[in-house]
């Protein structure tokens, strides 16, 4: 097994352990679960090792690297994800704004619950 295959096996196992449905692109079914990780998702410029979807919306990318490889020196690859997204996926800025809004709402709920516990 190649180092990349070993890394992918580990990534698959971790994703599945925490509840993601891991699929190959050719078997894509975004209704399989709330979180779906799609292997080898095609981009305009290349492919993403894993495209992550939450509730059928693109939410992130995982770049598989062999075990022990640091991200230094490969950070340039993130550009291919921002400029290479297919036209039918939302702009990364829209995704980031959506994530920020969801985090703010969750923090408000947490603070409300925390306040109720302190009463």
Protein backbone atom coordinates (compact mmCIF):
# COMPACT_ATOMS: atom_id res chain seq x y z
CA UNK A 1 0.00 0.00 0.00
CA UNK A 2 1.40 3.41 -0.99
CA UNK A 3 1.90 6.16 1.64
CA UNK A 4 -1.01 8.11 0.11
CA UNK A 5 -3.27 5.03 0.28
CA UNK A 6 -2.29 4.56 3.94
CA UNK A 7 -3.15 8.20 4.68
CA UNK A 8 -6.50 7.87 2.92
CA UNK A 9 -7.33 4.73 4.89
CA UNK A 10 -6.64 6.61 8.13
CA UNK A 11 -8.65 9.64 6.99
CA UNK A 12 -11.58 7.42 5.96
CA UNK A 13 -11.54 5.67 9.35
CA UNK A 14 -11.40 8.94 11.29
CA UNK A 15 -14.20 10.51 9.26
CA UNK A 16 -16.41 7.43 9.62
CA UNK A 17 -15.69 7.18 13.35
CA UNK A 18 -16.97 10.71 13.93
CA UNK A 19 -20.07 10.15 11.83
CA UNK A 20 -19.24 11.22 8.27
CA UNK A 21 -20.48 9.15 5.35
CA UNK A 22 -17.44 8.61 3.11
CA UNK A 23 -18.09 8.05 -0.60
CA UNK A 24 -16.33 7.94 -3.93
CA UNK A 25 -17.41 10.66 -6.35
CA UNK A 26 -18.79 8.11 -8.82
CA UNK A 27 -21.18 6.91 -6.07
CA UNK A 28 -22.13 10.39 -4.85
CA UNK A 29 -25.26 10.51 -2.69
CA UNK A 30 -25.47 13.70 -0.63
CA UNK A 31 -28.63 12.40 1.03
CA UNK A 32 -26.67 9.59 2.72
CA UNK A 33 -26.25 11.64 5.87
CA UNK A 34 -25.87 15.10 7.35
CA UNK A 35 -22.10 14.99 6.76
CA UNK A 36 -20.80 13.47 3.53
CA UNK A 37 -17.11 13.31 2.59
CA UNK A 38 -16.60 12.73 -1.13
CA UNK A 39 -13.28 11.28 -2.30
CA UNK A 40 -11.62 12.66 -5.47
CA UNK A 41 -14.20 15.40 -6.01
CA UNK A 42 -13.56 16.98 -9.44
CA UNK A 43 -12.65 20.65 -9.61
CA UNK A 44 -12.07 22.92 -12.60
CA UNK A 45 -8.33 22.80 -11.93
CA UNK A 46 -7.79 19.29 -10.53
CA UNK A 47 -9.60 17.30 -7.86
CA UNK A 48 -10.00 17.59 -4.11
CA UNK A 49 -8.88 14.55 -2.14
CA UNK A 50 -12.02 14.96 -0.03
CA UNK A 51 -14.82 17.51 -0.46
CA UNK A 52 -16.89 17.83 2.70
CA UNK A 53 -20.63 18.49 2.52
CA UNK A 54 -22.82 19.38 5.48
CA UNK A 55 -26.54 19.21 4.86
CA UNK A 56 -25.81 18.98 1.11
CA UNK A 57 -23.72 22.18 1.10
CA UNK A 58 -19.99 22.27 0.40
CA UNK A 59 -18.28 23.06 3.69
CA UNK A 60 -14.61 22.20 3.35
CA UNK A 61 -11.81 20.21 1.81
CA UNK A 62 -9.30 17.69 3.15
CA UNK A 63 -5.98 17.38 1.38
CA UNK A 64 -4.56 13.90 2.00
CA UNK A 65 -0.81 13.73 2.57
CA UNK A 66 1.40 10.83 3.46
CA UNK A 67 1.97 10.25 7.16
CA UNK A 68 4.62 12.57 8.57
CA UNK A 69 4.39 15.20 5.85
CA UNK A 70 3.89 18.72 7.18
CA UNK A 71 1.64 21.29 5.54
CA UNK A 72 4.54 23.69 5.06
CA UNK A 73 5.40 23.81 1.39
CA UNK A 74 2.04 22.52 0.21
CA UNK A 75 -0.13 25.43 1.37
CA UNK A 76 -0.17 26.67 -2.24
CA UNK A 77 -2.55 23.83 -2.96
CA UNK A 78 -5.34 25.66 -1.13
CA UNK A 79 -5.55 28.03 -4.12
CA UNK A 80 -6.75 25.22 -6.35
CA UNK A 81 -9.74 24.77 -4.05
CA UNK A 82 -10.80 28.41 -4.10
CA UNK A 83 -10.36 29.01 -7.82
CA UNK A 84 -11.24 25.52 -8.98
CA UNK A 85 -14.65 25.03 -7.40
CA UNK A 86 -17.30 23.98 -9.89
CA UNK A 87 -19.79 26.70 -10.79
CA UNK A 88 -22.65 24.91 -9.05
CA UNK A 89 -20.97 25.23 -5.62
CA UNK A 90 -21.29 28.39 -3.54
CA UNK A 91 -18.48 30.90 -3.43
CA UNK A 92 -16.04 30.22 -0.53
CA UNK A 93 -16.90 33.64 0.95
CA UNK A 94 -20.57 32.64 1.12
CA UNK A 95 -19.63 29.38 2.84
CA UNK A 96 -17.38 31.22 5.32
CA UNK A 97 -20.15 33.73 6.12
CA UNK A 98 -22.64 30.90 6.65
CA UNK A 99 -20.22 29.14 9.02
CA UNK A 100 -19.61 32.39 10.95
CA UNK A 101 -23.35 33.01 11.33
CA UNK A 102 -23.95 29.46 12.53
CA UNK A 103 -21.11 29.77 15.05
CA UNK A 104 -22.51 33.06 16.34
CA UNK A 105 -25.97 31.51 16.77
CA UNK A 106 -24.49 28.51 18.58
CA UNK A 107 -22.50 30.80 20.89
CA UNK A 108 -25.68 32.74 21.72
CA UNK A 109 -27.45 29.49 22.59
CA UNK A 110 -24.51 28.35 24.71
CA UNK A 111 -24.41 31.67 26.59
CA UNK A 112 -28.17 31.49 27.18
CA UNK A 113 -27.91 27.96 28.59
CA UNK A 114 -24.87 28.93 30.65
CA UNK A 115 -26.79 31.92 32.04
CA UNK A 116 -29.74 29.74 32.95
CA UNK A 117 -27.48 27.32 34.82
CA UNK A 118 -25.92 30.13 36.83
CA UNK A 119 -29.27 31.43 38.08
